[in-house]
Amino acid sequence: MSPHVASQFVGTWQLISYSAVTPDGATTYPFGLSPQGRLTYEANGRMAVQLARPGQSPFASGDPRVPTDAEARAAYDRYLAYYGTYTVDPDKGIVVHHLEVSLTPDWAGGDQVRHFVLEGDRLTLTTPPTLFGGVERVTTLVWERLP
């Protein structure tokens, strides 16, 4: 990892926008127009990310371990999280998240490739075409560095 480029990633980032474009050109907002999220890159090469669609109601049972099937599905559909390590390839303009653990079981132990653009305190990450929710799409997440 290039120390100079990697050092520009280090810090905590707040999600500004999360959009996805399908092959027919339609833009969707998987977590709505006001998504929430945090992305942390550490100097030692570790990373973690959490994304959420705000506004979910508490479980009717009042017990966080006893949702209805519909409540559990809604909670899963409104949240995405994983952690692991990362490497940056500045020549290719990509950062690779090497996942150790993921809320999405299919991703655990694998890599998530993101094309990046760093402009001041803005970081834009874009996925390659990826099957997500039954539809192949290119997803773009815009992050802003927190102080």
C-alpha atoms as a PDB file:
ATOM      1  CA  MET A   1       0.000   0.000   0.000  1.00  0.00           C
ATOM      2  CA  SER A   2       1.348   3.408  -0.891  1.00  0.00           C
ATOM      3  CA  PRO A   3       1.941   5.142   2.444  1.00  0.00           C
ATOM      4  CA  HIS A   4       1.024   8.556   1.026  1.00  0.00           C
ATOM      5  CA  VAL A   5      -2.296   7.515  -0.524  1.00  0.00           C
ATOM      6  CA  ALA A   6      -3.177   5.201   2.362  1.00  0.00           C
ATOM      7  CA  SER A   7      -2.638   8.026   4.843  1.00  0.00           C
ATOM      8  CA  GLN A   8      -5.301  10.051   3.026  1.00  0.00           C
ATOM      9  CA  PHE A   9      -7.858   7.315   3.805  1.00  0.00           C
ATOM     10  CA  VAL A  10      -7.123   7.196   7.526  1.00  0.00           C
ATOM     11  CA  GLY A  11      -9.922   8.592   9.660  1.00  0.00           C
ATOM     12  CA  THR A  12     -13.660   8.366  10.151  1.00  0.00           C
ATOM     13  CA  TRP A  13     -16.034   9.229   7.331  1.00  0.00           C
ATOM     14  CA  GLN A  14     -19.748  10.098   7.416  1.00  0.00           C
ATOM     15  CA  LEU A  15     -22.036   8.892   4.639  1.00  0.00           C
ATOM     16  CA  ILE A  16     -23.401  11.728   2.505  1.00  0.00           C
ATOM     17  CA  SER A  17     -25.164   9.752  -0.230  1.00  0.00           C
ATOM     18  CA  TYR A  18     -25.747   6.181  -1.380  1.00  0.00           C
ATOM     19  CA  SER A  19     -27.112   5.585  -4.865  1.00  0.00           C
ATOM     20  CA  ALA A  20     -27.198   2.719  -7.340  1.00  0.00           C
ATOM     21  CA  VAL A  21     -27.574   2.657 -11.122  1.00  0.00           C
ATOM     22  CA  THR A  22     -29.014  -0.347 -12.947  1.00  0.00           C
ATOM     23  CA  PRO A  23     -27.920  -1.439 -16.437  1.00  0.00           C
ATOM     24  CA  ASP A  24     -30.931   0.379 -17.966  1.00  0.00           C
ATOM     25  CA  GLY A  25     -29.743   3.655 -16.380  1.00  0.00           C
ATOM     26  CA  ALA A  26     -32.307   3.865 -13.581  1.00  0.00           C
ATOM     27  CA  THR A  27     -31.008   5.420 -10.350  1.00  0.00           C
ATOM     28  CA  THR A  28     -32.240   4.069  -7.030  1.00  0.00           C
ATOM     29  CA  TYR A  29     -31.476   4.936  -3.424  1.00  0.00           C
ATOM     30  CA  PRO A  30     -31.221   1.603  -1.552  1.00  0.00           C
ATOM     31  CA  PHE A  31     -31.307   3.228   1.901  1.00  0.00           C
ATOM     32  CA  GLY A  32     -33.455   6.218   0.962  1.00  0.00           C
ATOM     33  CA  LEU A  33     -32.470   9.822   0.356  1.00  0.00           C
ATOM     34  CA  SER A  34     -31.078  10.322   3.877  1.00  0.00           C
ATOM     35  CA  PRO A  35     -28.933   7.246   4.571  1.00  0.00           C
ATOM     36  CA  GLN A  36     -26.706   7.069   7.610  1.00  0.00           C
ATOM     37  CA  GLY A  37     -23.282   5.510   7.839  1.00  0.00           C
ATOM     38  CA  ARG A  38     -19.764   5.514   9.178  1.00  0.00           C
ATOM     39  CA  LEU A  39     -16.611   4.254   7.520  1.00  0.00           C
ATOM     40  CA  THR A  40     -13.368   4.021   9.464  1.00  0.00           C
ATOM     41  CA  TYR A  41      -9.923   3.422   8.024  1.00  0.00           C
ATOM     42  CA  GLU A  42      -7.135   2.915  10.551  1.00  0.00           C
ATOM     43  CA  ALA A  43      -3.438   3.621   9.940  1.00  0.00           C
ATOM     44  CA  ASN A  44      -2.642  -0.031  10.705  1.00  0.00           C
ATOM     45  CA  GLY A  45      -4.652  -1.215   7.665  1.00  0.00           C
ATOM     46  CA  ARG A  46      -7.891  -2.148   9.426  1.00  0.00           C
ATOM     47  CA  MET A  47     -11.319  -0.869   8.410  1.00  0.00           C
ATOM     48  CA  ALA A  48     -15.002  -1.070   9.358  1.00  0.00           C
ATOM     49  CA  VAL A  49     -18.199   0.205   7.784  1.00  0.00           C
ATOM     50  CA  GLN A  50     -21.838   0.496   8.824  1.00  0.00           C
ATOM     51  CA  LEU A  51     -24.717   1.725   6.651  1.00  0.00           C
ATOM     52  CA  ALA A  52     -28.316   2.187   7.743  1.00  0.00           C
ATOM     53  CA  ARG A  53     -31.657   3.349   6.459  1.00  0.00           C
ATOM     54  CA  PRO A  54     -33.056   5.414   9.353  1.00  0.00           C
ATOM     55  CA  GLY A  55     -36.558   5.215  10.699  1.00  0.00           C
ATOM     56  CA  GLN A  56     -37.159   1.619  11.712  1.00  0.00           C
ATOM     57  CA  SER A  57     -39.663   1.050  14.505  1.00  0.00           C
ATOM     58  CA  PRO A  58     -38.708  -0.941  17.616  1.00  0.00           C
ATOM     59  CA  PHE A  59     -39.704  -4.607  17.691  1.00  0.00           C
ATOM     60  CA  ALA A  60     -43.257  -5.113  18.943  1.00  0.00           C
ATOM     61  CA  SER A  61     -42.099  -7.657  21.560  1.00  0.00           C
ATOM     62  CA  GLY A  62     -39.843  -5.099  23.252  1.00  0.00           C
ATOM     63  CA  ASP A  63     -37.109  -7.762  23.171  1.00  0.00           C
ATOM     64  CA  PRO A  64     -34.273  -7.168  20.681  1.00  0.00           C
ATOM     65  CA  ARG A  65     -33.810 -10.953  20.295  1.00  0.00           C
ATOM     66  CA  VAL A  66     -37.496 -11.717  19.588  1.00  0.00           C
ATOM     67  CA  PRO A  67     -38.594  -9.968  16.385  1.00  0.00           C
ATOM     68  CA  THR A  68     -41.307 -11.260  14.130  1.00  0.00           C
ATOM     69  CA  ASP A  69     -40.075 -12.686  10.819  1.00  0.00           C
ATOM     70  CA  ALA A  70     -41.162  -9.492   9.054  1.00  0.00           C
ATOM     71  CA  GLU A  71     -39.369  -7.306  11.635  1.00  0.00           C
ATOM     72  CA  ALA A  72     -36.166  -9.355  11.321  1.00  0.00           C
ATOM     73  CA  ARG A  73     -36.267  -9.110   7.525  1.00  0.00           C
ATOM     74  CA  ALA A  74     -36.881  -5.346   7.683  1.00  0.00           C
ATOM     75  CA  ALA A  75     -33.943  -4.915  10.085  1.00  0.00           C
ATOM     76  CA  TYR A  76     -31.659  -6.915   7.779  1.00  0.00           C
ATOM     77  CA  ASP A  77     -32.791  -4.987   4.704  1.00  0.00           C
ATOM     78  CA  ARG A  78     -32.072  -1.636   6.405  1.00  0.00           C
ATOM     79  CA  TYR A  79     -28.541  -2.319   7.585  1.00  0.00           C
ATOM     80  CA  LEU A  80     -25.185  -3.301   6.145  1.00  0.00           C
ATOM     81  CA  ALA A  81     -21.985  -3.776   8.135  1.00  0.00           C
ATOM     82  CA  TYR A  82     -18.609  -5.426   7.826  1.00  0.00           C
ATOM     83  CA  TYR A  83     -15.012  -5.140   8.988  1.00  0.00           C
ATOM     84  CA  GLY A  84     -11.573  -6.396   8.063  1.00  0.00           C
ATOM     85  CA  THR A  85      -8.461  -4.954   6.470  1.00  0.00           C
ATOM     86  CA  TYR A  86      -7.902  -2.808   3.407  1.00  0.00           C
ATOM     87  CA  THR A  87      -5.322  -2.216   0.711  1.00  0.00           C
ATOM     88  CA  VAL A  88      -5.069   0.706  -1.682  1.00  0.00           C
ATOM     89  CA  ASP A  89      -3.822   0.488  -5.278  1.00  0.00           C
ATOM     90  CA  PRO A  90      -3.387   4.130  -6.324  1.00  0.00           C
ATOM     91  CA  ASP A  91      -2.317   3.169  -9.865  1.00  0.00           C
ATOM     92  CA  LYS A  92      -5.624   1.377 -10.463  1.00  0.00           C
ATOM     93  CA  GLY A  93      -7.615   3.839  -8.334  1.00  0.00           C
ATOM     94  CA  ILE A  94      -9.046   1.081  -6.151  1.00  0.00           C
ATOM     95  CA  VAL A  95      -9.317   0.263  -2.484  1.00  0.00           C
ATOM     96  CA  VAL A  96     -10.004  -3.357  -1.583  1.00  0.00           C
ATOM     97  CA  HIS A  97     -11.835  -4.226   1.617  1.00  0.00           C
ATOM     98  CA  HIS A  98     -10.693  -7.693   2.758  1.00  0.00           C
ATOM     99  CA  LEU A  99     -13.659  -8.823   4.844  1.00  0.00           C
ATOM    100  CA  GLU A 100     -13.271 -10.863   7.987  1.00  0.00           C
ATOM    101  CA  VAL A 101     -16.875 -10.529   9.195  1.00  0.00           C
ATOM    102  CA  SER A 102     -19.990  -9.284   7.410  1.00  0.00           C
ATOM    103  CA  LEU A 103     -23.682  -9.023   8.147  1.00  0.00           C
ATOM    104  CA  THR A 104     -24.017 -10.394   4.597  1.00  0.00           C
ATOM    105  CA  PRO A 105     -22.738 -13.988   5.049  1.00  0.00           C
ATOM    106  CA  ASP A 106     -21.792 -14.369   1.370  1.00  0.00           C
ATOM    107  CA  TRP A 107     -19.238 -11.547   1.721  1.00  0.00           C
ATOM    108  CA  ALA A 108     -17.422 -12.794   4.854  1.00  0.00           C
ATOM    109  CA  GLY A 109     -13.912 -13.946   4.006  1.00  0.00           C
ATOM    110  CA  GLY A 110     -13.993 -12.268   0.594  1.00  0.00           C
ATOM    111  CA  ASP A 111     -12.953  -8.996  -0.968  1.00  0.00           C
ATOM    112  CA  GLN A 112     -15.023  -5.962  -1.874  1.00  0.00           C
ATOM    113  CA  VAL A 113     -13.403  -3.811  -4.563  1.00  0.00           C
ATOM    114  CA  ARG A 114     -14.177  -0.106  -4.717  1.00  0.00           C
ATOM    115  CA  HIS A 115     -12.976   2.484  -7.218  1.00  0.00           C
ATOM    116  CA  PHE A 116     -12.121   5.652  -5.328  1.00  0.00           C
ATOM    117  CA  VAL A 117     -11.862   9.379  -5.847  1.00  0.00           C
ATOM    118  CA  LEU A 118     -10.370  11.456  -3.039  1.00  0.00           C
ATOM    119  CA  GLU A 119     -11.033  15.196  -3.241  1.00  0.00           C
ATOM    120  CA  GLY A 120     -10.150  17.071  -0.074  1.00  0.00           C
ATOM    121  CA  ASP A 121     -12.467  15.810   2.665  1.00  0.00           C
ATOM    122  CA  ARG A 122     -14.681  13.891   0.197  1.00  0.00           C
ATOM    123  CA  LEU A 123     -14.219  10.229  -0.640  1.00  0.00           C
ATOM    124  CA  THR A 124     -16.320   8.660  -3.392  1.00  0.00           C
ATOM    125  CA  LEU A 125     -16.388   4.869  -3.573  1.00  0.00           C
ATOM    126  CA  THR A 126     -17.953   3.094  -6.540  1.00  0.00           C
ATOM    127  CA  THR A 127     -18.506  -0.645  -6.905  1.00  0.00           C
ATOM    128  CA  PRO A 128     -18.046  -2.635 -10.067  1.00  0.00           C
ATOM    129  CA  PRO A 129     -21.358  -4.024 -11.404  1.00  0.00           C
ATOM    130  CA  THR A 130     -22.622  -6.153  -8.502  1.00  0.00           C
ATOM    131  CA  LEU A 131     -25.692  -8.324  -7.988  1.00  0.00           C
ATOM    132  CA  PHE A 132     -27.548  -6.804  -5.030  1.00  0.00           C
ATOM    133  CA  GLY A 133     -31.216  -7.301  -4.243  1.00  0.00           C
ATOM    134  CA  GLY A 134     -31.644  -9.465  -7.342  1.00  0.00           C
ATOM    135  CA  VAL A 135     -30.518  -6.656  -9.668  1.00  0.00           C
ATOM    136  CA  GLU A 136     -27.052  -5.950 -11.014  1.00  0.00           C
ATOM    137  CA  ARG A 137     -26.101  -2.366 -10.243  1.00  0.00           C
ATOM    138  CA  VAL A 138     -23.195   0.012  -9.839  1.00  0.00           C
ATOM    139  CA  THR A 139     -23.322   1.591  -6.417  1.00  0.00           C
ATOM    140  CA  THR A 140     -21.773   4.929  -5.460  1.00  0.00           C
ATOM    141  CA  LEU A 141     -21.228   6.048  -1.889  1.00  0.00           C
ATOM    142  CA  VAL A 142     -20.046   9.563  -1.093  1.00  0.00           C
ATOM    143  CA  TRP A 143     -18.337  10.081   2.256  1.00  0.00           C
ATOM    144  CA  GLU A 144     -17.176  13.184   4.099  1.00  0.00           C
ATOM    145  CA  ARG A 145     -14.295  13.097   6.576  1.00  0.00           C
ATOM    146  CA  LEU A 146     -15.283  13.818  10.171  1.00  0.00           C
ATOM    147  CA  PRO A 147     -13.033  16.089  12.235  1.00  0.00           C
END
